[in-house]
C-alpha atoms as a PDB file:
ATOM      1  CA  MET A   1      51.048  13.425 -23.622  1.00  0.00           C
ATOM      2  CA  LEU A   2      52.110  10.858 -21.030  1.00  0.00           C
ATOM      3  CA  ASN A   3      54.615  13.257 -19.476  1.00  0.00           C
ATOM      4  CA  ARG A   4      51.944  15.961 -19.187  1.00  0.00           C
ATOM      5  CA  LEU A   5      49.597  13.498 -17.442  1.00  0.00           C
ATOM      6  CA  ILE A   6      52.324  12.475 -15.033  1.00  0.00           C
ATOM      7  CA  ASP A   7      53.101  16.121 -14.292  1.00  0.00           C
ATOM      8  CA  GLN A   8      49.429  16.807 -13.546  1.00  0.00           C
ATOM      9  CA  LEU A   9      49.198  13.810 -11.223  1.00  0.00           C
ATOM     10  CA  ASN A  10      52.362  14.904  -9.425  1.00  0.00           C
ATOM     11  CA  SER A  11      50.958  18.415  -9.081  1.00  0.00           C
ATOM     12  CA  MET A  12      47.676  17.083  -7.674  1.00  0.00           C
ATOM     13  CA  GLY A  13      49.562  14.855  -5.254  1.00  0.00           C
ATOM     14  CA  ASN A  14      51.688  17.757  -4.060  1.00  0.00           C
ATOM     15  CA  ASP A  15      48.584  19.934  -3.638  1.00  0.00           C
ATOM     16  CA  PHE A  16      46.907  17.174  -1.643  1.00  0.00           C
ATOM     17  CA  ILE A  17      49.925  16.789   0.613  1.00  0.00           C
ATOM     18  CA  ASP A  18      50.069  20.551   1.102  1.00  0.00           C
ATOM     19  CA  ALA A  19      46.368  20.560   1.986  1.00  0.00           C
ATOM     20  CA  LEU A  20      46.621  17.771   4.576  1.00  0.00           C
ATOM     21  CA  PRO A  21      47.353  20.177   7.456  1.00  0.00           C
ATOM     22  CA  TYR A  22      44.265  22.182   6.482  1.00  0.00           C
ATOM     23  CA  PHE A  23      42.181  18.991   6.405  1.00  0.00           C
ATOM     24  CA  ALA A  24      43.460  18.087   9.845  1.00  0.00           C
ATOM     25  CA  ILE A  25      42.643  21.553  11.208  1.00  0.00           C
ATOM     26  CA  ALA A  26      39.158  21.489   9.621  1.00  0.00           C
ATOM     27  CA  LEU A  27      38.504  18.043  11.096  1.00  0.00           C
ATOM     28  CA  PHE A  28      39.662  19.277  14.493  1.00  0.00           C
ATOM     29  CA  ILE A  29      37.316  22.273  14.221  1.00  0.00           C
ATOM     30  CA  ILE A  30      34.404  19.947  13.407  1.00  0.00           C
ATOM     31  CA  LEU A  31      35.178  17.799  16.463  1.00  0.00           C
ATOM     32  CA  VAL A  32      35.386  20.912  18.627  1.00  0.00           C
ATOM     33  CA  THR A  33      32.074  22.064  17.150  1.00  0.00           C
ATOM     34  CA  ALA A  34      30.400  18.766  18.091  1.00  0.00           C
ATOM     35  CA  ILE A  35      31.631  19.134  21.671  1.00  0.00           C
ATOM     36  CA  ALA A  36      30.731  22.827  21.773  1.00  0.00           C
ATOM     37  CA  ALA A  37      27.210  22.093  20.492  1.00  0.00           C
ATOM     38  CA  LYS A  38      26.586  19.739  23.435  1.00  0.00           C
ATOM     39  CA  PHE A  39      27.909  22.303  25.921  1.00  0.00           C
ATOM     40  CA  THR A  40      25.923  25.189  24.454  1.00  0.00           C
ATOM     41  CA  VAL A  41      22.738  23.123  24.605  1.00  0.00           C
ATOM     42  CA  LYS A  42      23.432  22.278  28.248  1.00  0.00           C
ATOM     43  CA  ILE A  43      24.083  25.952  29.025  1.00  0.00           C
ATOM     44  CA  ALA A  44      20.880  26.980  27.242  1.00  0.00           C
ATOM     45  CA  ASP A  45      18.951  24.237  29.041  1.00  0.00           C
ATOM     46  CA  GLY A  46      20.329  25.440  32.382  1.00  0.00           C
ATOM     47  CA  LEU A  47      19.292  29.013  31.681  1.00  0.00           C
ATOM     48  CA  ILE A  48      15.860  27.995  30.385  1.00  0.00           C
ATOM     49  CA  GLY A  49      15.301  25.721  33.375  1.00  0.00           C
ATOM     50  CA  LYS A  50      15.040  28.790  35.579  1.00  0.00           C
ATOM     51  CA  THR A  51      12.113  30.121  33.548  1.00  0.00           C
ATOM     52  CA  ASP A  52       8.493  29.032  33.047  1.00  0.00           C
ATOM     53  CA  LEU A  53       8.807  28.399  29.312  1.00  0.00           C
ATOM     54  CA  ARG A  54       6.697  25.630  27.822  1.00  0.00           C
ATOM     55  CA  PRO A  55       8.523  22.348  26.920  1.00  0.00           C
ATOM     56  CA  SER A  56       7.910  22.863  23.184  1.00  0.00           C
ATOM     57  CA  LEU A  57       9.492  26.332  23.315  1.00  0.00           C
ATOM     58  CA  ARG A  58      12.431  24.969  25.263  1.00  0.00           C
ATOM     59  CA  ASN A  59      13.007  22.354  22.560  1.00  0.00           C
ATOM     60  CA  LEU A  60      12.897  25.092  19.927  1.00  0.00           C
ATOM     61  CA  ILE A  61      15.514  27.231  21.710  1.00  0.00           C
ATOM     62  CA  GLU A  62      17.789  24.224  22.257  1.00  0.00           C
ATOM     63  CA  THR A  63      17.489  23.268  18.571  1.00  0.00           C
ATOM     64  CA  ILE A  64      18.285  26.813  17.425  1.00  0.00           C
ATOM     65  CA  VAL A  65      21.321  27.013  19.731  1.00  0.00           C
ATOM     66  CA  LYS A  66      22.617  23.658  18.506  1.00  0.00           C
ATOM     67  CA  LEU A  67      21.995  24.528  14.853  1.00  0.00           C
ATOM     68  CA  GLY A  68      23.683  27.927  15.227  1.00  0.00           C
ATOM     69  CA  THR A  69      26.762  26.342  16.815  1.00  0.00           C
ATOM     70  CA  TRP A  70      27.082  23.841  13.985  1.00  0.00           C
ATOM     71  CA  ILE A  71      26.640  26.475  11.281  1.00  0.00           C
ATOM     72  CA  LEU A  72      29.355  28.652  12.836  1.00  0.00           C
ATOM     73  CA  GLY A  73      31.725  25.711  13.251  1.00  0.00           C
ATOM     74  CA  LEU A  74      31.228  24.481   9.678  1.00  0.00           C
ATOM     75  CA  MET A  75      31.761  27.982   8.300  1.00  0.00           C
ATOM     76  CA  ILE A  76      35.087  28.281  10.146  1.00  0.00           C
ATOM     77  CA  ALA A  77      36.125  24.803   8.953  1.00  0.00           C
ATOM     78  CA  ALA A  78      35.247  25.704   5.340  1.00  0.00           C
ATOM     79  CA  ILE A  79      37.281  28.935   5.513  1.00  0.00           C
ATOM     80  CA  VAL A  80      40.274  27.033   6.906  1.00  0.00           C
ATOM     81  CA  LEU A  81      39.991  24.314   4.262  1.00  0.00           C
ATOM     82  CA  PHE A  82      39.528  26.767   1.387  1.00  0.00           C
ATOM     83  CA  PRO A  83      41.610  29.873   2.142  1.00  0.00           C
ATOM     84  CA  ASP A  84      40.183  31.738  -0.853  1.00  0.00           C
ATOM     85  CA  LEU A  85      36.784  31.752   0.837  1.00  0.00           C
ATOM     86  CA  THR A  86      35.816  34.838   2.797  1.00  0.00           C
ATOM     87  CA  PRO A  87      32.993  35.111   5.324  1.00  0.00           C
ATOM     88  CA  SER A  88      31.055  37.442   3.014  1.00  0.00           C
ATOM     89  CA  SER A  89      31.339  35.147  -0.017  1.00  0.00           C
ATOM     90  CA  LEU A  90      30.443  32.128   2.101  1.00  0.00           C
ATOM     91  CA  ILE A  91      27.344  33.846   3.501  1.00  0.00           C
ATOM     92  CA  ALA A  92      26.332  34.913  -0.019  1.00  0.00           C
ATOM     93  CA  GLY A  93      26.774  31.356  -1.266  1.00  0.00           C
ATOM     94  CA  LEU A  94      24.739  30.028   1.632  1.00  0.00           C
ATOM     95  CA  GLY A  95      21.980  32.514   0.805  1.00  0.00           C
ATOM     96  CA  ILE A  96      21.797  31.389  -2.832  1.00  0.00           C
ATOM     97  CA  GLY A  97      21.935  27.753  -1.784  1.00  0.00           C
ATOM     98  CA  ALA A  98      19.192  28.272   0.773  1.00  0.00           C
ATOM     99  CA  VAL A  99      16.920  29.770  -1.893  1.00  0.00           C
ATOM    100  CA  ALA A 100      17.532  26.833  -4.227  1.00  0.00           C
ATOM    101  CA  ILE A 101      16.995  24.299  -1.450  1.00  0.00           C
ATOM    102  CA  GLY A 102      13.885  26.185  -0.344  1.00  0.00           C
ATOM    103  CA  PHE A 103      12.286  25.773  -3.774  1.00  0.00           C
ATOM    104  CA  ALA A 104      13.290  22.114  -3.949  1.00  0.00           C
ATOM    105  CA  PHE A 105      12.007  21.254  -0.470  1.00  0.00           C
ATOM    106  CA  GLN A 106       9.148  23.702  -0.122  1.00  0.00           C
ATOM    107  CA  ASP A 107       6.889  21.372   1.882  1.00  0.00           C
ATOM    108  CA  ILE A 108       9.658  20.511   4.339  1.00  0.00           C
ATOM    109  CA  PHE A 109      10.469  24.165   4.994  1.00  0.00           C
ATOM    110  CA  GLU A 110       6.765  24.984   5.268  1.00  0.00           C
ATOM    111  CA  ASN A 111       6.402  22.400   8.039  1.00  0.00           C
ATOM    112  CA  PHE A 112       9.621  23.660   9.650  1.00  0.00           C
ATOM    113  CA  LEU A 113       8.401  27.253   9.768  1.00  0.00           C
ATOM    114  CA  ALA A 114       4.961  26.135  10.957  1.00  0.00           C
ATOM    115  CA  GLY A 115       6.629  24.130  13.726  1.00  0.00           C
ATOM    116  CA  VAL A 116       8.566  27.197  14.882  1.00  0.00           C
ATOM    117  CA  LEU A 117       5.401  29.306  14.955  1.00  0.00           C
ATOM    118  CA  ILE A 118       3.419  26.581  16.766  1.00  0.00           C
ATOM    119  CA  MET A 119       6.109  26.360  19.447  1.00  0.00           C
ATOM    120  CA  ILE A 120       6.186  30.131  19.881  1.00  0.00           C
ATOM    121  CA  ARG A 121       2.441  30.706  20.196  1.00  0.00           C
ATOM    122  CA  GLU A 122       0.879  30.340  23.612  1.00  0.00           C
ATOM    123  CA  LYS A 123      -1.987  27.992  22.779  1.00  0.00           C
ATOM    124  CA  MET A 124      -1.861  24.214  22.176  1.00  0.00           C
ATOM    125  CA  ARG A 125       0.441  22.869  24.833  1.00  0.00           C
ATOM    126  CA  ILE A 126       1.751  19.327  25.154  1.00  0.00           C
ATOM    127  CA  GLY A 127      -0.962  17.347  26.952  1.00  0.00           C
ATOM    128  CA  ASP A 128      -3.858  19.275  25.415  1.00  0.00           C
ATOM    129  CA  VAL A 129      -6.662  17.342  23.734  1.00  0.00           C
ATOM    130  CA  ILE A 130      -7.332  18.893  20.337  1.00  0.00           C
ATOM    131  CA  GLU A 131      -9.480  18.367  17.263  1.00  0.00           C
ATOM    132  CA  CYS A 132      -8.303  19.324  13.769  1.00  0.00           C
ATOM    133  CA  GLU A 133      -9.386  18.055  10.364  1.00  0.00           C
ATOM    134  CA  GLY A 134     -11.203  15.098  11.925  1.00  0.00           C
ATOM    135  CA  ILE A 135      -8.248  14.157  14.153  1.00  0.00           C
ATOM    136  CA  VAL A 136      -9.075  14.071  17.882  1.00  0.00           C
ATOM    137  CA  GLY A 137      -6.442  13.241  20.479  1.00  0.00           C
ATOM    138  CA  LYS A 138      -3.855  14.352  23.026  1.00  0.00           C
ATOM    139  CA  VAL A 139      -0.754  16.282  21.910  1.00  0.00           C
ATOM    140  CA  GLU A 140       2.237  14.174  22.969  1.00  0.00           C
ATOM    141  CA  HIS A 141       5.203  15.705  21.156  1.00  0.00           C
ATOM    142  CA  ILE A 142       5.917  18.731  18.980  1.00  0.00           C
ATOM    143  CA  THR A 143       8.966  18.821  16.710  1.00  0.00           C
ATOM    144  CA  LEU A 144      10.067  21.295  14.062  1.00  0.00           C
ATOM    145  CA  ARG A 145       8.474  19.182  11.313  1.00  0.00           C
ATOM    146  CA  GLU A 146       5.557  17.273  12.827  1.00  0.00           C
ATOM    147  CA  THR A 147       3.299  16.867  15.849  1.00  0.00           C
ATOM    148  CA  HIS A 148       2.455  13.525  17.449  1.00  0.00           C
ATOM    149  CA  ILE A 149      -1.188  13.215  18.522  1.00  0.00           C
ATOM    150  CA  ARG A 150      -2.351  10.224  20.575  1.00  0.00           C
ATOM    151  CA  LYS A 151      -5.905   9.420  19.475  1.00  0.00           C
ATOM    152  CA  LEU A 152      -8.514   8.561  22.099  1.00  0.00           C
ATOM    153  CA  SER A 153      -8.481   4.960  20.853  1.00  0.00           C
ATOM    154  CA  GLY A 154      -4.734   4.660  21.512  1.00  0.00           C
ATOM    155  CA  GLU A 155      -3.151   5.120  18.067  1.00  0.00           C
ATOM    156  CA  VAL A 156      -0.582   7.848  17.371  1.00  0.00           C
ATOM    157  CA  THR A 157      -1.195  10.168  14.423  1.00  0.00           C
ATOM    158  CA  VAL A 158       1.846  11.999  13.028  1.00  0.00           C
ATOM    159  CA  VAL A 159       0.501  15.306  11.699  1.00  0.00           C
ATOM    160  CA  PRO A 160       2.586  17.715   9.564  1.00  0.00           C
ATOM    161  CA  ASN A 161       2.842  21.050  11.350  1.00  0.00           C
ATOM    162  CA  SER A 162       1.524  22.952   8.337  1.00  0.00           C
ATOM    163  CA  ILE A 163      -1.875  21.239   8.764  1.00  0.00           C
ATOM    164  CA  LEU A 164      -2.147  22.359  12.391  1.00  0.00           C
ATOM    165  CA  PHE A 165      -1.017  25.871  11.516  1.00  0.00           C
ATOM    166  CA  LYS A 166      -3.181  26.523   8.458  1.00  0.00           C
ATOM    167  CA  ASN A 167      -6.416  24.922   9.699  1.00  0.00           C
ATOM    168  CA  PRO A 168      -8.646  25.739  12.680  1.00  0.00           C
ATOM    169  CA  VAL A 169      -7.635  23.768  15.785  1.00  0.00           C
ATOM    170  CA  GLU A 170     -10.202  23.218  18.534  1.00  0.00           C
ATOM    171  CA  ILE A 171      -8.445  22.871  21.909  1.00  0.00           C
ATOM    172  CA  LEU A 172     -10.845  20.928  24.100  1.00  0.00           C
ATOM    173  CA  THR A 173      -8.757  21.217  27.278  1.00  0.00           C
ATOM    174  CA  ASP A 174      -7.760  24.878  27.042  1.00  0.00           C
ATOM    175  CA  LYS A 175      -9.724  25.345  30.300  1.00  0.00           C
ATOM    176  CA  ASP A 176     -10.324  22.887  33.132  1.00  0.00           C
ATOM    177  CA  GLN A 177     -14.049  22.842  32.386  1.00  0.00           C
ATOM    178  CA  ARG A 178     -16.315  23.141  29.380  1.00  0.00           C
ATOM    179  CA  ARG A 179     -20.047  23.004  28.744  1.00  0.00           C
ATOM    180  CA  HIS A 180     -21.873  19.784  27.866  1.00  0.00           C
ATOM    181  CA  ASP A 181     -25.466  19.280  26.789  1.00  0.00           C
ATOM    182  CA  VAL A 182     -28.142  16.682  26.221  1.00  0.00           C
ATOM    183  CA  VAL A 183     -31.716  16.792  24.839  1.00  0.00           C
ATOM    184  CA  ILE A 184     -34.552  15.351  26.974  1.00  0.00           C
ATOM    185  CA  GLY A 185     -38.146  14.964  25.754  1.00  0.00           C
ATOM    186  CA  VAL A 186     -41.334  14.872  27.890  1.00  0.00           C
ATOM    187  CA  SER A 187     -44.889  14.120  26.857  1.00  0.00           C
ATOM    188  CA  TYR A 188     -47.261  16.867  25.712  1.00  0.00           C
ATOM    189  CA  ASP A 189     -49.550  16.548  28.742  1.00  0.00           C
ATOM    190  CA  THR A 190     -46.670  17.366  31.112  1.00  0.00           C
ATOM    191  CA  ASP A 191     -46.479  20.590  33.125  1.00  0.00           C
ATOM    192  CA  LEU A 192     -43.310  22.023  31.577  1.00  0.00           C
ATOM    193  CA  ASP A 193     -42.456  24.178  34.590  1.00  0.00           C
ATOM    194  CA  GLU A 194     -42.617  21.147  36.863  1.00  0.00           C
ATOM    195  CA  ALA A 195     -40.551  19.057  34.426  1.00  0.00           C
ATOM    196  CA  ALA A 196     -37.892  21.773  34.142  1.00  0.00           C
ATOM    197  CA  GLU A 197     -37.604  21.989  37.937  1.00  0.00           C
ATOM    198  CA  VAL A 198     -37.290  18.200  38.263  1.00  0.00           C
ATOM    199  CA  ILE A 199     -34.563  18.144  35.620  1.00  0.00           C
ATOM    200  CA  ARG A 200     -32.728  21.036  37.273  1.00  0.00           C
ATOM    201  CA  LYS A 201     -32.692  19.348  40.685  1.00  0.00           C
ATOM    202  CA  SER A 202     -31.608  16.036  39.169  1.00  0.00           C
ATOM    203  CA  VAL A 203     -28.692  17.568  37.269  1.00  0.00           C
ATOM    204  CA  SER A 204     -27.592  19.735  40.189  1.00  0.00           C
ATOM    205  CA  ALA A 205     -27.376  16.642  42.399  1.00  0.00           C
ATOM    206  CA  VAL A 206     -24.689  15.092  40.162  1.00  0.00           C
ATOM    207  CA  GLU A 207     -21.281  15.467  41.821  1.00  0.00           C
ATOM    208  CA  GLU A 208     -19.374  16.147  38.603  1.00  0.00           C
ATOM    209  CA  VAL A 209     -21.588  19.117  37.662  1.00  0.00           C
ATOM    210  CA  ASP A 210     -20.301  22.583  38.596  1.00  0.00           C
ATOM    211  CA  THR A 211     -23.471  24.137  40.012  1.00  0.00           C
ATOM    212  CA  GLU A 212     -21.715  27.489  40.571  1.00  0.00           C
ATOM    213  CA  LYS A 213     -21.730  28.023  36.805  1.00  0.00           C
ATOM    214  CA  GLY A 214     -25.394  27.136  36.675  1.00  0.00           C
ATOM    215  CA  VAL A 215     -27.524  24.528  34.933  1.00  0.00           C
ATOM    216  CA  ASP A 216     -29.474  25.693  31.870  1.00  0.00           C
ATOM    217  CA  ILE A 217     -32.881  24.166  31.055  1.00  0.00           C
ATOM    218  CA  PHE A 218     -34.442  25.420  27.819  1.00  0.00           C
ATOM    219  CA  ALA A 219     -37.720  24.245  26.313  1.00  0.00           C
ATOM    220  CA  GLN A 220     -36.374  23.936  22.816  1.00  0.00           C
ATOM    221  CA  GLU A 221     -38.714  22.248  20.345  1.00  0.00           C
ATOM    222  CA  PHE A 222     -42.160  20.753  19.697  1.00  0.00           C
ATOM    223  CA  ASN A 223     -41.127  17.344  18.471  1.00  0.00           C
ATOM    224  CA  SER A 224     -43.377  14.713  16.871  1.00  0.00           C
ATOM    225  CA  SER A 225     -44.260  13.054  20.174  1.00  0.00           C
ATOM    226  CA  SER A 226     -42.598  15.177  22.849  1.00  0.00           C
ATOM    227  CA  VAL A 227     -41.618  18.645  23.980  1.00  0.00           C
ATOM    228  CA  ASP A 228     -37.810  18.695  24.029  1.00  0.00           C
ATOM    229  CA  PHE A 229     -35.643  20.370  26.655  1.00  0.00           C
ATOM    230  CA  LEU A 230     -32.036  21.363  25.992  1.00  0.00           C
ATOM    231  CA  VAL A 231     -30.092  20.698  29.204  1.00  0.00           C
ATOM    232  CA  ARG A 232     -26.638  22.299  29.585  1.00  0.00           C
ATOM    233  CA  TRP A 233     -24.113  22.031  32.414  1.00  0.00           C
ATOM    234  CA  TRP A 234     -20.394  22.561  33.126  1.00  0.00           C
ATOM    235  CA  SER A 235     -18.016  19.727  33.919  1.00  0.00           C
ATOM    236  CA  GLY A 236     -14.472  18.484  33.168  1.00  0.00           C
ATOM    237  CA  SER A 237     -13.034  19.398  29.779  1.00  0.00           C
ATOM    238  CA  THR A 238     -11.442  16.067  28.809  1.00  0.00           C
ATOM    239  CA  PRO A 239     -13.521  13.763  26.596  1.00  0.00           C
ATOM    240  CA  ARG A 240     -13.702  11.098  29.300  1.00  0.00           C
ATOM    241  CA  SER A 241     -14.864  13.621  31.903  1.00  0.00           C
ATOM    242  CA  GLY A 242     -17.571  14.712  29.481  1.00  0.00           C
ATOM    243  CA  TRP A 243     -18.728  11.142  28.866  1.00  0.00           C
ATOM    244  CA  GLU A 244     -18.768  10.313  32.579  1.00  0.00           C
ATOM    245  CA  SER A 245     -20.713  13.421  33.540  1.00  0.00           C
ATOM    246  CA  LYS A 246     -23.193  12.917  30.682  1.00  0.00           C
ATOM    247  CA  ASP A 247     -23.756   9.321  31.758  1.00  0.00           C
ATOM    248  CA  LYS A 248     -24.539  10.388  35.332  1.00  0.00           C
ATOM    249  CA  VAL A 249     -26.675  13.337  34.220  1.00  0.00           C
ATOM    250  CA  VAL A 250     -28.826  11.182  31.910  1.00  0.00           C
ATOM    251  CA  ARG A 251     -29.275   8.559  34.650  1.00  0.00           C
ATOM    252  CA  ALA A 252     -30.192  11.237  37.197  1.00  0.00           C
ATOM    253  CA  ILE A 253     -32.737  12.896  34.885  1.00  0.00           C
ATOM    254  CA  LYS A 254     -34.359   9.548  34.032  1.00  0.00           C
ATOM    255  CA  ARG A 255     -34.602   8.651  37.714  1.00  0.00           C
ATOM    256  CA  GLY A 256     -35.961  12.087  38.665  1.00  0.00           C
ATOM    257  CA  LEU A 257     -38.646  12.076  35.942  1.00  0.00           C
ATOM    258  CA  ASP A 258     -39.696   8.525  36.829  1.00  0.00           C
ATOM    259  CA  ASP A 259     -40.045   9.441  40.501  1.00  0.00           C
ATOM    260  CA  ALA A 260     -42.152  12.483  39.558  1.00  0.00           C
ATOM    261  CA  GLY A 261     -44.396  10.397  37.289  1.00  0.00           C
ATOM    262  CA  ILE A 262     -43.349  12.374  34.189  1.00  0.00           C
ATOM    263  CA  GLU A 263     -43.316  10.367  30.979  1.00  0.00           C
ATOM    264  CA  ILE A 264     -40.417  10.303  28.527  1.00  0.00           C
ATOM    265  CA  PRO A 265     -42.508   9.203  25.531  1.00  0.00           C
ATOM    266  CA  PHE A 266     -41.719   6.785  22.777  1.00  0.00           C
ATOM    267  CA  PRO A 267     -42.233   8.186  19.262  1.00  0.00           C
ATOM    268  CA  TYR A 268     -45.936   8.121  18.414  1.00  0.00           C
ATOM    269  CA  ILE A 269     -47.117   7.666  14.821  1.00  0.00           C
ATOM    270  CA  THR A 270     -50.678   8.604  13.828  1.00  0.00           C
ATOM    271  CA  HIS A 271     -51.985   7.441  10.444  1.00  0.00           C
ATOM    272  CA  THR A 272     -54.765   9.445   8.705  1.00  0.00           C
ATOM    273  CA  PHE A 273     -56.589   8.477   5.554  1.00  0.00           C
ATOM    274  CA  LYS A 274     -58.324  10.723   3.038  1.00  0.00           C
ATOM    275  CA  GLU A 275     -61.206   8.260   2.560  1.00  0.00           C
ATOM    276  CA  ARG A 276     -62.911   5.797   4.846  1.00  0.00           C
ATOM    277  CA  VAL A 277     -61.069   2.519   5.002  1.00  0.00           C
ATOM    278  CA  PRO A 278     -63.519  -0.389   4.642  1.00  0.00           C
ATOM    279  CA  MET A 279     -63.289  -2.944   7.373  1.00  0.00           C
ATOM    280  CA  GLY A 280     -63.240  -6.578   6.327  1.00  0.00           C
ATOM    281  CA  GLU A 281     -66.235  -8.776   7.080  1.00  0.00           C
ATOM    282  CA  GLN A 282     -65.915 -11.013  10.110  1.00  0.00           C
ATOM    283  CA  PRO A 283     -65.849 -14.742   9.368  1.00  0.00           C
ATOM    284  CA  GLY A 284     -69.319 -16.326   9.560  1.00  0.00           C
ATOM    285  CA  GLU A 285     -71.080 -12.934   9.482  1.00  0.00           C
ATOM    286  CA  ASN A 286     -73.232 -13.909   6.461  1.00  0.00           C
ATOM    287  CA  ALA A 287     -73.633 -17.505   7.413  1.00  0.00           C
END
């Protein structure tokens, strides 16, 4: 029994010594692969730099090139280390392993695939302000797994790519301008044509408003104490541009209506009673 154990240990030792050159070659291949991966990325970056590809798509191509170089290098190292392996058997084994890993890490691969598709599609560039599932902010970084969105209050939200891919995404800055609106009420005794003209001139005088796209004034609703106008105009697409233009538009409309003597009424409440309400007797009336 002892002699058999010693023979097995000697055989394992001899096999290990015989395999040392293969280990050394495999290690050398891995080192060469690491160097080659850096060079291939630089070459890809140089070629991409001559094109107009978006930064997110450039990152995707560089990642694919680097990943492909490593996969090729590791496959060659594995074949050198295990001579019985053939490229076909190794690829088949990788396929089976990928399926097993895919089931085990389904969410990770879902985000990975969503990240690839997000980088490929034309819309939602880095720097865009978007809104998705209650998250509003500027896209700062897109990776293969997640997207970093800087909220308007300054915090960064790390969003899994699958959320941005499977849900509707509203891109607020897809164009340089977008339409904004505000509701203005005037009293019932107001000449609506005159009020609409005053509002139009007031809004058109605001510098941030694009008058070439027009200013819309719609008498919209009979409210409880006013007739409401829906006022629409075009201005910058970023949230701050919208807030600034709305501030100036509201100020201009208020000033214009005041100068024209047109009332912006407070809510009026009229109480009616089914029966006559008795008035109380005045003190000293029956004295």
